Amino acid sequence: MIPNYMSHTLEEAHSGAYVFEPLDLGSGKEKPIILVGLILYSCLAKILPCCLIIVYGSLLLITLHASRLAHSRTSNDSTVSGQLSTRTIRTSRTTIMLLIVIVLFLITELPQGVLILFCIFKEHFFEQIYIPLGDTMDIIALVNSGINFVLYCTMSQEFRKTFIRLFCRLNLNRGAQRSYISTRNEQCHV
């Protein structure tokens, strides 16, 4: 983000408001520091993380699938008779949660990186396409964050335990009113 901060300047408008100076993206007249900043931002902060999450997420899913197959081959008669073991259910939840998180991340980040690259190479794309979509992309990112939190809370017992432990510790330090929430092996004050 440092090149972005260095390349943008505010100009005072006639109404007393401040606006960014025109960027002239896609015209061939843009400042080199603006191009460097946008290329770094779109490639390093948006597109590269999307590519990495696809690769590592795929490898993790392949490993989870192989582990599930190996476990089903060595499982006891109760699993063979049609009942799923707790470990298999937990692995399935983890796989589903992982897939949802990856897809939501890609839906949120990849279009932004691609649109920023289009802004660099196509004249008036920034003003006509990117700016009108800006609020929509921000809302999608916020919804993604909210969905991820709810998803983690509903599908991961470890996340719930950690969240309760952290939340309880914060409230104990503040001396707030206390009531009890009990998890499997522990009680904590909320």
C-alpha atoms as a PDB file:
ATOM      1  CA  MET A   1       0.000   0.000   0.000  1.00  0.00           C
ATOM      2  CA  ILE A   2       2.980   2.366   0.387  1.00  0.00           C
ATOM      3  CA  PRO A   3       3.142   3.151  -3.378  1.00  0.00           C
ATOM      4  CA  ASN A   4      -0.592   3.937  -3.298  1.00  0.00           C
ATOM      5  CA  TYR A   5      -0.140   6.363  -0.425  1.00  0.00           C
ATOM      6  CA  MET A   6       2.828   8.005  -2.132  1.00  0.00           C
ATOM      7  CA  SER A   7       1.090   8.360  -5.500  1.00  0.00           C
ATOM      8  CA  HIS A   8      -2.231   9.893  -4.500  1.00  0.00           C
ATOM      9  CA  THR A   9      -2.689  13.536  -3.635  1.00  0.00           C
ATOM     10  CA  LEU A  10      -5.799  15.395  -2.610  1.00  0.00           C
ATOM     11  CA  GLU A  11      -6.881  18.579  -4.344  1.00  0.00           C
ATOM     12  CA  GLU A  12      -9.293  21.103  -2.894  1.00  0.00           C
ATOM     13  CA  ALA A  13     -12.441  21.449  -4.970  1.00  0.00           C
ATOM     14  CA  HIS A  14     -14.356  24.685  -5.361  1.00  0.00           C
ATOM     15  CA  SER A  15     -16.934  23.612  -2.743  1.00  0.00           C
ATOM     16  CA  GLY A  16     -14.299  23.164  -0.035  1.00  0.00           C
ATOM     17  CA  ALA A  17     -14.294  19.390  -0.384  1.00  0.00           C
ATOM     18  CA  TYR A  18     -11.182  17.438  -1.220  1.00  0.00           C
ATOM     19  CA  VAL A  19     -10.918  15.054  -4.163  1.00  0.00           C
ATOM     20  CA  PHE A  20      -8.165  12.861  -5.558  1.00  0.00           C
ATOM     21  CA  GLU A  21      -6.289  14.233  -8.512  1.00  0.00           C
ATOM     22  CA  PRO A  22      -7.263  12.557 -11.813  1.00  0.00           C
ATOM     23  CA  LEU A  23      -5.369   9.295 -12.249  1.00  0.00           C
ATOM     24  CA  ASP A  24      -5.654   9.104 -16.075  1.00  0.00           C
ATOM     25  CA  LEU A  25      -5.633   5.310 -15.896  1.00  0.00           C
ATOM     26  CA  GLY A  26      -5.389   3.505 -19.213  1.00  0.00           C
ATOM     27  CA  SER A  27      -4.525   6.679 -21.100  1.00  0.00           C
ATOM     28  CA  GLY A  28      -0.759   6.235 -21.213  1.00  0.00           C
ATOM     29  CA  LYS A  29      -0.369   9.513 -19.260  1.00  0.00           C
ATOM     30  CA  GLU A  30      -0.535   8.044 -15.742  1.00  0.00           C
ATOM     31  CA  LYS A  31       2.339   8.455 -13.341  1.00  0.00           C
ATOM     32  CA  PRO A  32       4.716   5.462 -13.163  1.00  0.00           C
ATOM     33  CA  ILE A  33       4.323   5.271  -9.380  1.00  0.00           C
ATOM     34  CA  ILE A  34       0.556   4.889  -9.832  1.00  0.00           C
ATOM     35  CA  LEU A  35       1.084   2.018 -12.265  1.00  0.00           C
ATOM     36  CA  VAL A  36       3.559   0.326  -9.932  1.00  0.00           C
ATOM     37  CA  GLY A  37       1.209   0.744  -6.984  1.00  0.00           C
ATOM     38  CA  LEU A  38      -1.787  -0.664  -8.829  1.00  0.00           C
ATOM     39  CA  ILE A  39       0.162  -3.590 -10.291  1.00  0.00           C
ATOM     40  CA  LEU A  40       1.631  -4.460  -6.878  1.00  0.00           C
ATOM     41  CA  TYR A  41      -1.754  -4.165  -5.195  1.00  0.00           C
ATOM     42  CA  SER A  42      -3.668  -6.199  -7.764  1.00  0.00           C
ATOM     43  CA  CYS A  43      -1.021  -8.904  -8.166  1.00  0.00           C
ATOM     44  CA  LEU A  44       0.404  -9.235  -4.636  1.00  0.00           C
ATOM     45  CA  ALA A  45      -2.655  -8.411  -2.539  1.00  0.00           C
ATOM     46  CA  LYS A  46      -5.421  -9.894  -4.695  1.00  0.00           C
ATOM     47  CA  ILE A  47      -4.442 -12.307  -7.488  1.00  0.00           C
ATOM     48  CA  LEU A  48      -1.448 -14.074  -5.879  1.00  0.00           C
ATOM     49  CA  PRO A  49      -3.362 -14.922  -2.657  1.00  0.00           C
ATOM     50  CA  CYS A  50      -6.214 -16.287  -4.787  1.00  0.00           C
ATOM     51  CA  CYS A  51      -3.840 -18.500  -6.755  1.00  0.00           C
ATOM     52  CA  LEU A  52      -2.146 -19.684  -3.556  1.00  0.00           C
ATOM     53  CA  ILE A  53      -5.440 -20.487  -1.855  1.00  0.00           C
ATOM     54  CA  ILE A  54      -6.521 -22.503  -4.891  1.00  0.00           C
ATOM     55  CA  VAL A  55      -3.289 -24.507  -4.899  1.00  0.00           C
ATOM     56  CA  TYR A  56      -2.980 -25.048  -1.143  1.00  0.00           C
ATOM     57  CA  GLY A  57      -6.714 -25.572  -0.681  1.00  0.00           C
ATOM     58  CA  SER A  58      -6.710 -28.190  -3.422  1.00  0.00           C
ATOM     59  CA  LEU A  59      -3.732 -29.975  -1.872  1.00  0.00           C
ATOM     60  CA  LEU A  60      -5.415 -29.908   1.527  1.00  0.00           C
ATOM     61  CA  LEU A  61      -8.663 -31.259   0.099  1.00  0.00           C
ATOM     62  CA  ILE A  62      -6.768 -34.050  -1.662  1.00  0.00           C
ATOM     63  CA  THR A  63      -5.042 -34.919   1.623  1.00  0.00           C
ATOM     64  CA  LEU A  64      -8.343 -34.891   3.544  1.00  0.00           C
ATOM     65  CA  HIS A  65      -9.938 -37.111   0.920  1.00  0.00           C
ATOM     66  CA  ALA A  66      -7.018 -39.572   1.008  1.00  0.00           C
ATOM     67  CA  SER A  67      -7.178 -39.611   4.820  1.00  0.00           C
ATOM     68  CA  ARG A  68     -10.911 -40.296   4.717  1.00  0.00           C
ATOM     69  CA  LEU A  69     -10.398 -43.172   2.283  1.00  0.00           C
ATOM     70  CA  ALA A  70      -7.628 -44.664   4.408  1.00  0.00           C
ATOM     71  CA  HIS A  71      -9.757 -44.344   7.535  1.00  0.00           C
ATOM     72  CA  SER A  72     -12.768 -45.978   5.888  1.00  0.00           C
ATOM     73  CA  ARG A  73     -10.634 -48.946   4.829  1.00  0.00           C
ATOM     74  CA  THR A  74      -9.328 -49.506   8.350  1.00  0.00           C
ATOM     75  CA  SER A  75     -12.513 -48.627  10.256  1.00  0.00           C
ATOM     76  CA  ASN A  76     -14.481 -50.965  12.462  1.00  0.00           C
ATOM     77  CA  ASP A  77     -17.756 -52.789  11.687  1.00  0.00           C
ATOM     78  CA  SER A  78     -20.001 -49.931  12.890  1.00  0.00           C
ATOM     79  CA  THR A  79     -18.757 -47.660  10.115  1.00  0.00           C
ATOM     80  CA  VAL A  80     -19.085 -50.432   7.561  1.00  0.00           C
ATOM     81  CA  SER A  81     -22.684 -51.076   8.597  1.00  0.00           C
ATOM     82  CA  GLY A  82     -23.657 -47.552   7.581  1.00  0.00           C
ATOM     83  CA  GLN A  83     -23.038 -45.478  10.688  1.00  0.00           C
ATOM     84  CA  LEU A  84     -20.535 -42.672  10.350  1.00  0.00           C
ATOM     85  CA  SER A  85     -17.862 -42.271  12.986  1.00  0.00           C
ATOM     86  CA  THR A  86     -17.404 -38.974  14.788  1.00  0.00           C
ATOM     87  CA  ARG A  87     -14.054 -38.482  13.100  1.00  0.00           C
ATOM     88  CA  THR A  88     -15.592 -38.930   9.625  1.00  0.00           C
ATOM     89  CA  ILE A  89     -18.338 -36.419  10.400  1.00  0.00           C
ATOM     90  CA  ARG A  90     -15.772 -33.924  11.732  1.00  0.00           C
ATOM     91  CA  THR A  91     -13.631 -34.381   8.591  1.00  0.00           C
ATOM     92  CA  SER A  92     -16.691 -33.852   6.390  1.00  0.00           C
ATOM     93  CA  ARG A  93     -17.559 -30.657   8.243  1.00  0.00           C
ATOM     94  CA  THR A  94     -13.997 -29.423   7.909  1.00  0.00           C
ATOM     95  CA  THR A  95     -14.001 -30.163   4.181  1.00  0.00           C
ATOM     96  CA  ILE A  96     -17.317 -28.378   3.617  1.00  0.00           C
ATOM     97  CA  MET A  97     -16.234 -25.406   5.706  1.00  0.00           C
ATOM     98  CA  LEU A  98     -12.932 -25.203   3.849  1.00  0.00           C
ATOM     99  CA  LEU A  99     -14.638 -25.284   0.461  1.00  0.00           C
ATOM    100  CA  ILE A 100     -17.096 -22.547   1.452  1.00  0.00           C
ATOM    101  CA  VAL A 101     -14.318 -20.311   2.830  1.00  0.00           C
ATOM    102  CA  ILE A 102     -12.215 -20.791  -0.316  1.00  0.00           C
ATOM    103  CA  VAL A 103     -15.121 -20.076  -2.680  1.00  0.00           C
ATOM    104  CA  LEU A 104     -16.178 -16.982  -0.721  1.00  0.00           C
ATOM    105  CA  PHE A 105     -12.608 -15.688  -0.660  1.00  0.00           C
ATOM    106  CA  LEU A 106     -12.263 -16.187  -4.409  1.00  0.00           C
ATOM    107  CA  ILE A 107     -15.619 -14.508  -5.112  1.00  0.00           C
ATOM    108  CA  THR A 108     -14.547 -11.542  -3.000  1.00  0.00           C
ATOM    109  CA  GLU A 109     -10.896 -11.037  -3.959  1.00  0.00           C
ATOM    110  CA  LEU A 110     -10.301 -12.338  -7.484  1.00  0.00           C
ATOM    111  CA  PRO A 111     -12.724  -9.967  -9.276  1.00  0.00           C
ATOM    112  CA  GLN A 112     -11.151  -6.984  -7.546  1.00  0.00           C
ATOM    113  CA  GLY A 113      -7.652  -7.960  -8.685  1.00  0.00           C
ATOM    114  CA  VAL A 114      -8.785  -8.531 -12.267  1.00  0.00           C
ATOM    115  CA  LEU A 115     -10.772  -5.278 -12.365  1.00  0.00           C
ATOM    116  CA  ILE A 116      -7.773  -3.310 -11.088  1.00  0.00           C
ATOM    117  CA  LEU A 117      -5.636  -4.766 -13.883  1.00  0.00           C
ATOM    118  CA  PHE A 118      -8.301  -3.782 -16.423  1.00  0.00           C
ATOM    119  CA  CYS A 119      -8.196  -0.236 -15.012  1.00  0.00           C
ATOM    120  CA  ILE A 120      -4.506  -0.037 -15.832  1.00  0.00           C
ATOM    121  CA  PHE A 121      -4.874  -1.082 -19.460  1.00  0.00           C
ATOM    122  CA  LYS A 122      -8.301   0.178 -20.559  1.00  0.00           C
ATOM    123  CA  GLU A 123      -9.020   3.894 -20.679  1.00  0.00           C
ATOM    124  CA  HIS A 124     -12.065   5.135 -18.703  1.00  0.00           C
ATOM    125  CA  PHE A 125     -12.574   1.658 -17.185  1.00  0.00           C
ATOM    126  CA  PHE A 126     -11.804   3.009 -13.704  1.00  0.00           C
ATOM    127  CA  GLU A 127     -14.427   5.765 -13.871  1.00  0.00           C
ATOM    128  CA  GLN A 128     -17.109   3.867 -15.778  1.00  0.00           C
ATOM    129  CA  ILE A 129     -16.844   0.351 -14.305  1.00  0.00           C
ATOM    130  CA  TYR A 130     -14.631   0.151 -11.212  1.00  0.00           C
ATOM    131  CA  ILE A 131     -15.958   3.177  -9.291  1.00  0.00           C
ATOM    132  CA  PRO A 132     -19.653   2.179  -9.683  1.00  0.00           C
ATOM    133  CA  LEU A 133     -18.820  -1.371  -8.548  1.00  0.00           C
ATOM    134  CA  GLY A 134     -16.733  -0.176  -5.577  1.00  0.00           C
ATOM    135  CA  ASP A 135     -19.549  -0.126  -3.024  1.00  0.00           C
ATOM    136  CA  THR A 136     -20.787  -3.527  -4.193  1.00  0.00           C
ATOM    137  CA  MET A 137     -17.309  -5.022  -3.821  1.00  0.00           C
ATOM    138  CA  ASP A 138     -17.000  -3.522  -0.324  1.00  0.00           C
ATOM    139  CA  ILE A 139     -20.377  -4.952   0.707  1.00  0.00           C
ATOM    140  CA  ILE A 140     -19.399  -8.381  -0.650  1.00  0.00           C
ATOM    141  CA  ALA A 141     -16.183  -8.256   1.413  1.00  0.00           C
ATOM    142  CA  LEU A 142     -18.128  -7.317   4.563  1.00  0.00           C
ATOM    143  CA  VAL A 143     -20.727 -10.045   3.993  1.00  0.00           C
ATOM    144  CA  ASN A 144     -17.886 -12.520   3.423  1.00  0.00           C
ATOM    145  CA  SER A 145     -16.377 -11.628   6.804  1.00  0.00           C
ATOM    146  CA  GLY A 146     -19.730 -12.062   8.551  1.00  0.00           C
ATOM    147  CA  ILE A 147     -20.435 -15.361   6.827  1.00  0.00           C
ATOM    148  CA  ASN A 148     -16.971 -16.676   7.710  1.00  0.00           C
ATOM    149  CA  PHE A 149     -17.487 -15.875  11.394  1.00  0.00           C
ATOM    150  CA  VAL A 150     -20.898 -17.582  11.499  1.00  0.00           C
ATOM    151  CA  LEU A 151     -19.530 -20.510   9.505  1.00  0.00           C
ATOM    152  CA  TYR A 152     -16.625 -21.007  11.907  1.00  0.00           C
ATOM    153  CA  CYS A 153     -18.941 -20.789  14.934  1.00  0.00           C
ATOM    154  CA  THR A 154     -21.455 -23.282  13.567  1.00  0.00           C
ATOM    155  CA  MET A 155     -19.097 -25.848  12.094  1.00  0.00           C
ATOM    156  CA  SER A 156     -16.045 -25.861  14.343  1.00  0.00           C
ATOM    157  CA  GLN A 157     -16.188 -26.953  17.964  1.00  0.00           C
ATOM    158  CA  GLU A 158     -12.578 -25.859  18.474  1.00  0.00           C
ATOM    159  CA  PHE A 159     -13.383 -22.354  17.194  1.00  0.00           C
ATOM    160  CA  ARG A 160     -16.364 -22.135  19.571  1.00  0.00           C
ATOM    161  CA  LYS A 161     -14.234 -23.268  22.513  1.00  0.00           C
ATOM    162  CA  THR A 162     -11.490 -20.791  21.676  1.00  0.00           C
ATOM    163  CA  PHE A 163     -14.008 -17.973  21.156  1.00  0.00           C
ATOM    164  CA  ILE A 164     -15.702 -18.703  24.491  1.00  0.00           C
ATOM    165  CA  ARG A 165     -12.344 -18.906  26.278  1.00  0.00           C
ATOM    166  CA  LEU A 166     -11.243 -15.588  24.795  1.00  0.00           C
ATOM    167  CA  PHE A 167     -14.581 -13.890  25.420  1.00  0.00           C
ATOM    168  CA  CYS A 168     -14.741 -15.209  28.975  1.00  0.00           C
ATOM    169  CA  ARG A 169     -11.218 -14.038  29.731  1.00  0.00           C
ATOM    170  CA  LEU A 170     -12.047 -10.528  28.500  1.00  0.00           C
ATOM    171  CA  ASN A 171     -15.155 -10.318  30.653  1.00  0.00           C
ATOM    172  CA  LEU A 172     -13.392 -11.690  33.728  1.00  0.00           C
ATOM    173  CA  ASN A 173     -10.776  -8.984  33.373  1.00  0.00           C
ATOM    174  CA  ARG A 174     -13.442  -6.289  33.216  1.00  0.00           C
ATOM    175  CA  GLY A 175     -15.314  -7.572  36.266  1.00  0.00           C
ATOM    176  CA  ALA A 176     -18.624  -7.610  34.395  1.00  0.00           C
ATOM    177  CA  GLN A 177     -21.783  -9.341  35.568  1.00  0.00           C
ATOM    178  CA  ARG A 178     -21.218 -13.101  35.477  1.00  0.00           C
ATOM    179  CA  SER A 179     -23.393 -15.981  34.406  1.00  0.00           C
ATOM    180  CA  TYR A 180     -22.227 -19.475  33.593  1.00  0.00           C
ATOM    181  CA  ILE A 181     -21.822 -21.108  30.218  1.00  0.00           C
ATOM    182  CA  SER A 182     -20.607 -24.643  30.332  1.00  0.00           C
ATOM    183  CA  THR A 183     -18.866 -26.467  27.557  1.00  0.00           C
ATOM    184  CA  ARG A 184     -18.043 -30.165  27.686  1.00  0.00           C
ATOM    185  CA  ASN A 185     -15.144 -30.065  30.117  1.00  0.00           C
ATOM    186  CA  GLU A 186     -15.020 -26.561  31.477  1.00  0.00           C
ATOM    187  CA  GLN A 187     -17.090 -23.741  32.891  1.00  0.00           C
ATOM    188  CA  CYS A 188     -16.442 -20.108  32.250  1.00  0.00           C
ATOM    189  CA  HIS A 189     -17.978 -16.779  33.207  1.00  0.00           C
ATOM    190  CA  VAL A 190     -19.613 -14.546  30.625  1.00  0.00           C
END
